[in-house]
Amino acid sequence: MNNNNGQKLAGKVAVVTGGSRGIGAAIAKRLAADGASVAITYTKGADAAASVVQAIERGGGKGIAIQADATDAKAVKVRGGHAGRDGPRD
């Protein structure tokens, strides 16, 4: 029996770079609404990132904001490990 309440991304983790504003924020919120746990990255604007995570959580989803520059491969690799270890999960 499937226990995901019709959410097609239940049990999945999504990472959205630039998820603190604009299209990235909208994508992060939609992925969460579809059941994914969402990790968003941002370079500046911790308040905006926190606002997206709060919106995800208000909708019953799981989210985390990670400060990382997506243009810096080393930073993303180091920070990306946090999405699975410290990030959204049950």
Protein backbone atom coordinates (compact mmCIF):
# COMPACT_ATOMS: atom_id res chain seq x y z
CA MET A 1 0.00 0.00 0.00
CA ASN A 2 1.32 3.41 -0.97
CA ASN A 3 1.20 5.97 1.87
CA ASN A 4 2.15 9.15 0.01
CA ASN A 5 -1.35 10.70 -0.13
CA GLY A 6 -1.11 11.06 -3.90
CA GLN A 7 2.08 13.11 -3.76
CA LYS A 8 4.14 11.99 -6.72
CA LEU A 9 7.47 13.14 -5.19
CA ALA A 10 6.97 11.73 -1.70
CA GLY A 11 10.21 10.31 -0.35
CA LYS A 12 12.37 12.29 -2.79
CA VAL A 13 14.81 15.11 -2.03
CA ALA A 14 15.13 18.05 -4.42
CA VAL A 15 17.91 20.64 -4.45
CA VAL A 16 16.98 24.00 -6.00
CA THR A 17 19.84 26.40 -6.64
CA GLY A 18 18.76 30.00 -6.32
CA GLY A 19 15.63 28.88 -4.51
CA SER A 20 15.29 31.95 -2.31
CA ARG A 21 13.50 34.14 -4.86
CA GLY A 22 11.74 34.34 -8.18
CA ILE A 23 11.40 31.24 -10.32
CA GLY A 24 13.63 29.20 -7.98
CA ALA A 25 11.36 29.93 -5.01
CA ALA A 26 8.27 29.02 -7.03
CA ILE A 27 9.88 25.75 -8.15
CA ALA A 28 10.94 24.89 -4.58
CA LYS A 29 7.41 25.49 -3.28
CA ARG A 30 5.88 23.40 -6.07
CA LEU A 31 8.29 20.51 -5.50
CA ALA A 32 7.41 20.59 -1.80
CA ALA A 33 3.68 20.67 -2.60
CA ASP A 34 4.25 17.56 -4.71
CA GLY A 35 5.80 15.82 -1.70
CA ALA A 36 9.56 16.33 -2.09
CA SER A 37 11.76 17.43 0.77
CA VAL A 38 13.48 20.53 -0.57
CA ALA A 39 16.92 22.02 -0.01
CA ILE A 40 17.34 25.49 -1.48
CA THR A 41 20.63 27.27 -1.97
CA TYR A 42 21.21 30.99 -1.85
CA THR A 43 24.22 33.30 -2.00
CA LYS A 44 22.76 36.39 -0.38
CA GLY A 45 19.46 37.05 1.28
CA ALA A 46 19.15 34.67 4.20
CA ASP A 47 15.82 36.28 5.13
CA ALA A 48 14.33 35.54 1.71
CA ALA A 49 15.59 31.94 1.90
CA ALA A 50 14.11 31.54 5.37
CA SER A 51 10.81 32.88 4.08
CA VAL A 52 10.68 30.21 1.36
CA VAL A 53 11.46 27.48 3.88
CA GLN A 54 8.73 28.81 6.19
CA ALA A 55 6.23 28.78 3.32
CA ILE A 56 7.17 25.18 2.53
CA GLU A 57 6.75 24.19 6.17
CA ARG A 58 3.40 26.03 6.48
CA GLY A 59 2.21 23.88 3.59
CA GLY A 60 3.20 20.75 5.48
CA GLY A 61 6.47 20.18 3.62
CA LYS A 62 10.08 19.87 4.68
CA GLY A 63 12.73 22.36 3.64
CA ILE A 64 16.15 23.73 4.44
CA ALA A 65 18.13 26.71 3.19
CA ILE A 66 21.85 26.32 2.54
CA GLN A 67 24.14 29.26 1.82
CA ALA A 68 26.31 28.21 -1.14
CA ASP A 69 27.53 29.84 -4.33
CA ALA A 70 26.35 27.56 -7.14
CA THR A 71 29.14 28.88 -9.38
CA ASP A 72 31.76 27.47 -6.98
CA ALA A 73 31.87 23.70 -7.57
CA LYS A 74 33.89 23.04 -4.42
CA ALA A 75 31.44 24.96 -2.22
CA VAL A 76 28.48 23.16 -3.74
CA LYS A 77 30.11 19.76 -3.22
CA VAL A 78 30.81 20.51 0.45
CA ARG A 79 27.45 22.14 1.10
CA GLY A 80 25.55 19.63 -0.99
CA GLY A 81 26.44 16.89 1.46
CA HIS A 82 24.43 18.77 4.04
CA ALA A 83 21.21 18.28 2.08
CA GLY A 84 21.28 14.56 2.74
CA ARG A 85 22.88 14.59 6.18
CA ASP A 86 21.44 17.67 7.85
CA GLY A 87 18.72 18.66 5.46
CA PRO A 88 15.15 17.75 4.77
CA ARG A 89 14.17 14.33 5.98
CA ASP A 90 11.52 12.52 7.97
